[in-house]
Structures are given as C-alpha cells and as structure tokens.
Amino acid sequence: MDELQELKNEIKKIKERNKRVEADKAWETSLARKILVAVLTYIVITLFFLAANLTKPFINTKQEQKIILKHKDCDCPV
C-alpha cells in the first residue's frame, strides 16, 4: 500500500510538472511574446541611437545612410 501511494505521488508530481512545461511552451510560442520582443528590441535600438546622437533615431531612412556614406571620407560634420 505504501508503494502504491508513492507511485500516486510521483504521477501527481509529473502531471504538475507537465502543466508548467505546457504553460512555458505556450508563452514561448505566443503572439504576445513575439510582440513584446519586437517592442523591447525597438526600444533598446532607439535608446542606442539617442545615446549615439544619431539623427532621427525613431526612423532611420536610407537617405540618412547616404549622407553618412557621403561624408565618411571627409572630416566635416554630418
């Protein structure tokens, strides 16, 4: 009887663990997580652009890239 109770306890622990694993997996594949990662990435990059004093840190266009490439060979400020 004692052995049977141990087996029941082990099965209960396994089922609880499976619920946690399923919850973790649901979070890893969720749309909310993907959006959160994208937003946090945008914020970090924007903060970097602000710290580096880049122009238009919220929208970095190809036009700005052309200006930077044009002035990279001279000592003039961008």
PDB file of N, CA and C in Angstrom:
ATOM      1  N   MET A   1       0.825  -1.193   0.000  1.00  0.00           N
ATOM      2  CA  MET A   1       0.000   0.000   0.000  1.00  0.00           C
ATOM      3  C   MET A   1       0.869   1.256   0.000  1.00  0.00           C
ATOM      4  N   ASP A   2       1.945   1.232   0.731  1.00  0.00           N
ATOM      5  CA  ASP A   2       2.859   2.354   0.793  1.00  0.00           C
ATOM      6  C   ASP A   2       3.483   2.617  -0.585  1.00  0.00           C
ATOM      7  N   GLU A   3       3.803   1.566  -1.270  1.00  0.00           N
ATOM      8  CA  GLU A   3       4.380   1.669  -2.609  1.00  0.00           C
ATOM      9  C   GLU A   3       3.373   2.271  -3.593  1.00  0.00           C
ATOM     10  N   LEU A   4       2.123   1.892  -3.458  1.00  0.00           N
ATOM     11  CA  LEU A   4       1.071   2.426  -4.309  1.00  0.00           C
ATOM     12  C   LEU A   4       0.914   3.937  -4.086  1.00  0.00           C
ATOM     13  N   GLN A   5       0.982   4.370  -2.870  1.00  0.00           N
ATOM     14  CA  GLN A   5       0.872   5.798  -2.554  1.00  0.00           C
ATOM     15  C   GLN A   5       2.060   6.582  -3.133  1.00  0.00           C
ATOM     16  N   GLU A   6       3.251   5.990  -3.071  1.00  0.00           N
ATOM     17  CA  GLU A   6       4.436   6.631  -3.648  1.00  0.00           C
ATOM     18  C   GLU A   6       4.263   6.825  -5.144  1.00  0.00           C
ATOM     19  N   LEU A   7       3.743   5.789  -5.813  1.00  0.00           N
ATOM     20  CA  LEU A   7       3.518   5.877  -7.251  1.00  0.00           C
ATOM     21  C   LEU A   7       2.486   6.962  -7.577  1.00  0.00           C
ATOM     22  N   LYS A   8       1.443   7.051  -6.777  1.00  0.00           N
ATOM     23  CA  LYS A   8       0.436   8.087  -6.994  1.00  0.00           C
ATOM     24  C   LYS A   8       1.040   9.477  -6.825  1.00  0.00           C
ATOM     25  N   ASN A   9       1.890   9.638  -5.817  1.00  0.00           N
ATOM     26  CA  ASN A   9       2.552  10.923  -5.583  1.00  0.00           C
ATOM     27  C   ASN A   9       3.476  11.292  -6.749  1.00  0.00           C
ATOM     28  N   GLU A  10       4.204  10.314  -7.249  1.00  0.00           N
ATOM     29  CA  GLU A  10       5.098  10.561  -8.376  1.00  0.00           C
ATOM     30  C   GLU A  10       4.306  10.958  -9.619  1.00  0.00           C
ATOM     31  N   ILE A  11       3.205  10.288  -9.863  1.00  0.00           N
ATOM     32  CA  ILE A  11       2.353  10.614 -11.009  1.00  0.00           C
ATOM     33  C   ILE A  11       1.798  12.032 -10.860  1.00  0.00           C
ATOM     34  N   LYS A  12       1.407  12.386  -9.644  1.00  0.00           N
ATOM     35  CA  LYS A  12       0.885  13.732  -9.395  1.00  0.00           C
ATOM     36  C   LYS A  12       1.961  14.782  -9.669  1.00  0.00           C
ATOM     37  N   LYS A  13       3.194  14.530  -9.224  1.00  0.00           N
ATOM     38  CA  LYS A  13       4.302  15.451  -9.458  1.00  0.00           C
ATOM     39  C   LYS A  13       4.589  15.597 -10.952  1.00  0.00           C
ATOM     40  N   ILE A  14       4.538  14.493 -11.665  1.00  0.00           N
ATOM     41  CA  ILE A  14       4.787  14.518 -13.104  1.00  0.00           C
ATOM     42  C   ILE A  14       3.712  15.330 -13.819  1.00  0.00           C
ATOM     43  N   LYS A  15       2.460  15.154 -13.426  1.00  0.00           N
ATOM     44  CA  LYS A  15       1.368  15.904 -14.044  1.00  0.00           C
ATOM     45  C   LYS A  15       1.502  17.402 -13.763  1.00  0.00           C
ATOM     46  N   GLU A  16       1.907  17.765 -12.556  1.00  0.00           N
ATOM     47  CA  GLU A  16       2.111  19.178 -12.217  1.00  0.00           C
ATOM     48  C   GLU A  16       3.255  19.769 -13.047  1.00  0.00           C
ATOM     49  N   ARG A  17       4.318  18.984 -13.182  1.00  0.00           N
ATOM     50  CA  ARG A  17       5.454  19.432 -13.993  1.00  0.00           C
ATOM     51  C   ARG A  17       5.029  19.614 -15.445  1.00  0.00           C
ATOM     52  N   ASN A  18       4.246  18.702 -15.964  1.00  0.00           N
ATOM     53  CA  ASN A  18       3.783  18.803 -17.347  1.00  0.00           C
ATOM     54  C   ASN A  18       2.947  20.060 -17.566  1.00  0.00           C
ATOM     55  N   LYS A  19       2.137  20.420 -16.576  1.00  0.00           N
ATOM     56  CA  LYS A  19       1.344  21.648 -16.693  1.00  0.00           C
ATOM     57  C   LYS A  19       2.249  22.875 -16.786  1.00  0.00           C
ATOM     58  N   ARG A  20       3.313  22.903 -15.965  1.00  0.00           N
ATOM     59  CA  ARG A  20       4.253  24.024 -16.014  1.00  0.00           C
ATOM     60  C   ARG A  20       4.968  24.080 -17.361  1.00  0.00           C
ATOM     61  N   VAL A  21       5.376  22.933 -17.854  1.00  0.00           N
ATOM     62  CA  VAL A  21       6.080  22.872 -19.136  1.00  0.00           C
ATOM     63  C   VAL A  21       5.159  23.336 -20.266  1.00  0.00           C
ATOM     64  N   GLU A  22       3.916  22.918 -20.230  1.00  0.00           N
ATOM     65  CA  GLU A  22       2.960  23.341 -21.260  1.00  0.00           C
ATOM     66  C   GLU A  22       2.730  24.852 -21.206  1.00  0.00           C
ATOM     67  N   ALA A  23       2.667  25.402 -20.011  1.00  0.00           N
ATOM     68  CA  ALA A  23       2.493  26.849 -19.859  1.00  0.00           C
ATOM     69  C   ALA A  23       3.713  27.592 -20.413  1.00  0.00           C
ATOM     70  N   ASP A  24       4.916  27.084 -20.121  1.00  0.00           N
ATOM     71  CA  ASP A  24       6.134  27.691 -20.641  1.00  0.00           C
ATOM     72  C   ASP A  24       6.159  27.636 -22.161  1.00  0.00           C
ATOM     73  N   LYS A  25       5.784  26.514 -22.711  1.00  0.00           N
ATOM     74  CA  LYS A  25       5.781  26.350 -24.158  1.00  0.00           C
ATOM     75  C   LYS A  25       4.750  27.283 -24.799  1.00  0.00           C
ATOM     76  N   ALA A  26       3.604  27.418 -24.174  1.00  0.00           N
ATOM     77  CA  ALA A  26       2.580  28.319 -24.704  1.00  0.00           C
ATOM     78  C   ALA A  26       3.105  29.750 -24.742  1.00  0.00           C
ATOM     79  N   TRP A  27       3.836  30.171 -23.705  1.00  0.00           N
ATOM     80  CA  TRP A  27       4.398  31.520 -23.667  1.00  0.00           C
ATOM     81  C   TRP A  27       5.454  31.687 -24.755  1.00  0.00           C
ATOM     82  N   GLU A  28       6.304  30.677 -24.943  1.00  0.00           N
ATOM     83  CA  GLU A  28       7.381  30.775 -25.922  1.00  0.00           C
ATOM     84  C   GLU A  28       6.865  30.927 -27.344  1.00  0.00           C
ATOM     85  N   THR A  29       5.717  30.370 -27.636  1.00  0.00           N
ATOM     86  CA  THR A  29       5.181  30.419 -28.991  1.00  0.00           C
ATOM     87  C   THR A  29       4.057  31.444 -29.150  1.00  0.00           C
ATOM     88  N   SER A  30       3.790  32.223 -28.119  1.00  0.00           N
ATOM     89  CA  SER A  30       2.645  33.135 -28.160  1.00  0.00           C
ATOM     90  C   SER A  30       2.937  34.392 -28.979  1.00  0.00           C
ATOM     91  N   LEU A  31       1.888  34.960 -29.522  1.00  0.00           N
ATOM     92  CA  LEU A  31       1.992  36.212 -30.268  1.00  0.00           C
ATOM     93  C   LEU A  31       2.384  37.356 -29.331  1.00  0.00           C
ATOM     94  N   ALA A  32       1.900  37.323 -28.118  1.00  0.00           N
ATOM     95  CA  ALA A  32       2.224  38.372 -27.142  1.00  0.00           C
ATOM     96  C   ALA A  32       3.733  38.426 -26.898  1.00  0.00           C
ATOM     97  N   ARG A  33       4.374  37.280 -26.784  1.00  0.00           N
ATOM     98  CA  ARG A  33       5.822  37.238 -26.563  1.00  0.00           C
ATOM     99  C   ARG A  33       6.556  37.808 -27.767  1.00  0.00           C
ATOM    100  N   LYS A  34       6.117  37.447 -28.956  1.00  0.00           N
ATOM    101  CA  LYS A  34       6.773  37.939 -30.174  1.00  0.00           C
ATOM    102  C   LYS A  34       6.652  39.458 -30.263  1.00  0.00           C
ATOM    103  N   ILE A  35       5.477  39.986 -29.935  1.00  0.00           N
ATOM    104  CA  ILE A  35       5.280  41.432 -29.958  1.00  0.00           C
ATOM    105  C   ILE A  35       6.140  42.102 -28.888  1.00  0.00           C
ATOM    106  N   LEU A  36       6.179  41.516 -27.703  1.00  0.00           N
ATOM    107  CA  LEU A  36       6.987  42.067 -26.611  1.00  0.00           C
ATOM    108  C   LEU A  36       8.466  42.112 -26.996  1.00  0.00           C
ATOM    109  N   VAL A  37       8.971  41.055 -27.593  1.00  0.00           N
ATOM    110  CA  VAL A  37      10.374  41.024 -28.010  1.00  0.00           C
ATOM    111  C   VAL A  37      10.631  42.098 -29.064  1.00  0.00           C
ATOM    112  N   ALA A  38       9.721  42.251 -30.016  1.00  0.00           N
ATOM    113  CA  ALA A  38       9.891  43.271 -31.057  1.00  0.00           C
ATOM    114  C   ALA A  38       9.886  44.674 -30.458  1.00  0.00           C
ATOM    115  N   VAL A  39       8.963  44.949 -29.549  1.00  0.00           N
ATOM    116  CA  VAL A  39       8.872  46.277 -28.932  1.00  0.00           C
ATOM    117  C   VAL A  39      10.112  46.566 -28.089  1.00  0.00           C
ATOM    118  N   LEU A  40      10.533  45.615 -27.289  1.00  0.00           N
ATOM    119  CA  LEU A  40      11.726  45.828 -26.460  1.00  0.00           C
ATOM    120  C   LEU A  40      12.974  46.025 -27.318  1.00  0.00           C
ATOM    121  N   THR A  41      13.075  45.290 -28.419  1.00  0.00           N
ATOM    122  CA  THR A  41      14.203  45.457 -29.330  1.00  0.00           C
ATOM    123  C   THR A  41      14.198  46.861 -29.918  1.00  0.00           C
ATOM    124  N   TYR A  42      13.033  47.334 -30.342  1.00  0.00           N
ATOM    125  CA  TYR A  42      12.914  48.683 -30.896  1.00  0.00           C
ATOM    126  C   TYR A  42      13.332  49.731 -29.863  1.00  0.00           C
ATOM    127  N   ILE A  43      12.896  49.544 -28.625  1.00  0.00           N
ATOM    128  CA  ILE A  43      13.238  50.497 -27.559  1.00  0.00           C
ATOM    129  C   ILE A  43      14.741  50.526 -27.312  1.00  0.00           C
ATOM    130  N   VAL A  44      15.363  49.365 -27.244  1.00  0.00           N
ATOM    131  CA  VAL A  44      16.807  49.300 -26.991  1.00  0.00           C
ATOM    132  C   VAL A  44      17.577  49.956 -28.131  1.00  0.00           C
ATOM    133  N   ILE A  45      17.188  49.684 -29.365  1.00  0.00           N
ATOM    134  CA  ILE A  45      17.884  50.281 -30.503  1.00  0.00           C
ATOM    135  C   ILE A  45      17.675  51.793 -30.525  1.00  0.00           C
ATOM    136  N   THR A  46      16.460  52.237 -30.229  1.00  0.00           N
ATOM    137  CA  THR A  46      16.183  53.672 -30.184  1.00  0.00           C
ATOM    138  C   THR A  46      17.019  54.355 -29.107  1.00  0.00           C
ATOM    139  N   LEU A  47      17.129  53.737 -27.934  1.00  0.00           N
ATOM    140  CA  LEU A  47      17.968  54.305 -26.869  1.00  0.00           C
ATOM    141  C   LEU A  47      19.429  54.383 -27.301  1.00  0.00           C
ATOM    142  N   PHE A  48      19.881  53.367 -28.019  1.00  0.00           N
ATOM    143  CA  PHE A  48      21.252  53.402 -28.533  1.00  0.00           C
ATOM    144  C   PHE A  48      21.424  54.551 -29.522  1.00  0.00           C
ATOM    145  N   PHE A  49      20.461  54.713 -30.444  1.00  0.00           N
ATOM    146  CA  PHE A  49      20.533  55.804 -31.401  1.00  0.00           C
ATOM    147  C   PHE A  49      20.539  57.154 -30.692  1.00  0.00           C
ATOM    148  N   LEU A  50      19.730  57.301 -29.664  1.00  0.00           N
ATOM    149  CA  LEU A  50      19.696  58.554 -28.912  1.00  0.00           C
ATOM    150  C   LEU A  50      21.027  58.799 -28.207  1.00  0.00           C
ATOM    151  N   ALA A  51      21.589  57.768 -27.613  1.00  0.00           N
ATOM    152  CA  ALA A  51      22.866  57.903 -26.907  1.00  0.00           C
ATOM    153  C   ALA A  51      23.998  58.223 -27.880  1.00  0.00           C
ATOM    154  N   ALA A  52      23.906  57.724 -29.105  1.00  0.00           N
ATOM    155  CA  ALA A  52      24.939  57.963 -30.109  1.00  0.00           C
ATOM    156  C   ALA A  52      24.701  59.269 -30.865  1.00  0.00           C
ATOM    157  N   ASN A  53      23.648  59.991 -30.499  1.00  0.00           N
ATOM    158  CA  ASN A  53      23.292  61.259 -31.143  1.00  0.00           C
ATOM    159  C   ASN A  53      23.093  61.123 -32.651  1.00  0.00           C
ATOM    160  N   LEU A  54      22.489  60.045 -33.079  1.00  0.00           N
ATOM    161  CA  LEU A  54      22.171  59.863 -34.490  1.00  0.00           C
ATOM    162  C   LEU A  54      20.917  60.655 -34.821  1.00  0.00           C
ATOM    163  N   THR A  55      20.848  61.117 -36.063  1.00  0.00           N
ATOM    164  CA  THR A  55      19.671  61.885 -36.462  1.00  0.00           C
ATOM    165  C   THR A  55      18.479  60.963 -36.651  1.00  0.00           C
ATOM    166  N   LYS A  56      17.310  61.469 -36.356  1.00  0.00           N
ATOM    167  CA  LYS A  56      16.048  60.740 -36.490  1.00  0.00           C
ATOM    168  C   LYS A  56      16.152  59.307 -35.922  1.00  0.00           C
ATOM    169  N   PRO A  57      16.332  59.184 -34.652  1.00  0.00           N
ATOM    170  CA  PRO A  57      16.531  57.847 -34.090  1.00  0.00           C
ATOM    171  C   PRO A  57      15.301  56.950 -34.210  1.00  0.00           C
ATOM    172  N   PHE A  58      14.125  57.538 -34.366  1.00  0.00           N
ATOM    173  CA  PHE A  58      12.916  56.726 -34.432  1.00  0.00           C
ATOM    174  C   PHE A  58      12.671  56.172 -35.829  1.00  0.00           C
ATOM    175  N   ILE A  59      13.197  56.859 -36.824  1.00  0.00           N
ATOM    176  CA  ILE A  59      13.045  56.379 -38.206  1.00  0.00           C
ATOM    177  C   ILE A  59      14.379  56.600 -38.919  1.00  0.00           C
ATOM    178  N   ASN A  60      15.114  55.543 -39.124  1.00  0.00           N
ATOM    179  CA  ASN A  60      16.409  55.645 -39.797  1.00  0.00           C
ATOM    180  C   ASN A  60      16.208  55.303 -41.265  1.00  0.00           C
ATOM    181  N   THR A  61      16.259  56.320 -42.127  1.00  0.00           N
ATOM    182  CA  THR A  61      15.957  56.113 -43.539  1.00  0.00           C
ATOM    183  C   THR A  61      17.212  55.902 -44.363  1.00  0.00           C
ATOM    184  N   LYS A  62      17.027  55.445 -45.581  1.00  0.00           N
ATOM    185  CA  LYS A  62      18.151  55.248 -46.485  1.00  0.00           C
ATOM    186  C   LYS A  62      18.811  56.580 -46.828  1.00  0.00           C
ATOM    187  N   GLN A  63      18.029  57.651 -46.844  1.00  0.00           N
ATOM    188  CA  GLN A  63      18.589  58.959 -47.151  1.00  0.00           C
ATOM    189  C   GLN A  63      19.669  59.322 -46.138  1.00  0.00           C
ATOM    190  N   GLU A  64      19.426  59.043 -44.869  1.00  0.00           N
ATOM    191  CA  GLU A  64      20.426  59.322 -43.834  1.00  0.00           C
ATOM    192  C   GLU A  64      21.661  58.470 -44.044  1.00  0.00           C
ATOM    193  N   GLN A  65      21.472  57.239 -44.444  1.00  0.00           N
ATOM    194  CA  GLN A  65      22.609  56.366 -44.689  1.00  0.00           C
ATOM    195  C   GLN A  65      23.458  56.907 -45.827  1.00  0.00           C
ATOM    196  N   LYS A  66      22.818  57.459 -46.872  1.00  0.00           N
ATOM    197  CA  LYS A  66      23.557  58.036 -47.993  1.00  0.00           C
ATOM    198  C   LYS A  66      24.372  59.242 -47.530  1.00  0.00           C
ATOM    199  N   ILE A  67      23.792  60.084 -46.659  1.00  0.00           N
ATOM    200  CA  ILE A  67      24.505  61.260 -46.153  1.00  0.00           C
ATOM    201  C   ILE A  67      25.728  60.816 -45.362  1.00  0.00           C
ATOM    202  N   ILE A  68      25.571  59.810 -44.533  1.00  0.00           N
ATOM    203  CA  ILE A  68      26.689  59.321 -43.726  1.00  0.00           C
ATOM    204  C   ILE A  68      27.779  58.759 -44.629  1.00  0.00           C
ATOM    205  N   LEU A  69      27.405  57.993 -45.640  1.00  0.00           N
ATOM    206  CA  LEU A  69      28.389  57.431 -46.563  1.00  0.00           C
ATOM    207  C   LEU A  69      29.084  58.531 -47.359  1.00  0.00           C
ATOM    208  N   LYS A  70      28.360  59.573 -47.729  1.00  0.00           N
ATOM    209  CA  LYS A  70      28.920  60.677 -48.499  1.00  0.00           C
ATOM    210  C   LYS A  70      29.984  61.409 -47.697  1.00  0.00           C
ATOM    211  N   HIS A  71      29.787  61.559 -46.401  1.00  0.00           N
ATOM    212  CA  HIS A  71      30.686  62.334 -45.557  1.00  0.00           C
ATOM    213  C   HIS A  71      31.723  61.492 -44.814  1.00  0.00           C
ATOM    214  N   LYS A  72      31.769  60.214 -45.046  1.00  0.00           N
ATOM    215  CA  LYS A  72      32.703  59.399 -44.272  1.00  0.00           C
ATOM    216  C   LYS A  72      34.154  59.633 -44.662  1.00  0.00           C
ATOM    217  N   ASP A  73      34.407  60.154 -45.887  1.00  0.00           N
ATOM    218  CA  ASP A  73      35.782  60.374 -46.336  1.00  0.00           C
ATOM    219  C   ASP A  73      36.327  61.744 -45.965  1.00  0.00           C
ATOM    220  N   CYS A  74      35.470  62.622 -45.447  1.00  0.00           N
ATOM    221  CA  CYS A  74      35.957  63.945 -45.054  1.00  0.00           C
ATOM    222  C   CYS A  74      35.793  64.128 -43.550  1.00  0.00           C
ATOM    223  N   ASP A  75      36.423  65.154 -43.024  1.00  0.00           N
ATOM    224  CA  ASP A  75      36.351  65.432 -41.587  1.00  0.00           C
ATOM    225  C   ASP A  75      35.191  66.344 -41.240  1.00  0.00           C
ATOM    226  N   CYS A  76      34.347  66.666 -42.223  1.00  0.00           N
ATOM    227  CA  CYS A  76      33.239  67.571 -41.954  1.00  0.00           C
ATOM    228  C   CYS A  76      32.143  66.887 -41.146  1.00  0.00           C
ATOM    229  N   PRO A  77      31.424  67.645 -40.300  1.00  0.00           N
ATOM    230  CA  PRO A  77      30.356  67.028 -39.509  1.00  0.00           C
ATOM    231  C   PRO A  77      29.179  66.651 -40.383  1.00  0.00           C
ATOM    232  N   VAL A  78      28.480  65.643 -39.985  1.00  0.00           N
ATOM    233  CA  VAL A  78      27.315  65.162 -40.745  1.00  0.00           C
ATOM    234  C   VAL A  78      26.128  66.013 -40.455  1.00  0.00           C
TER     235      VAL A  78
END
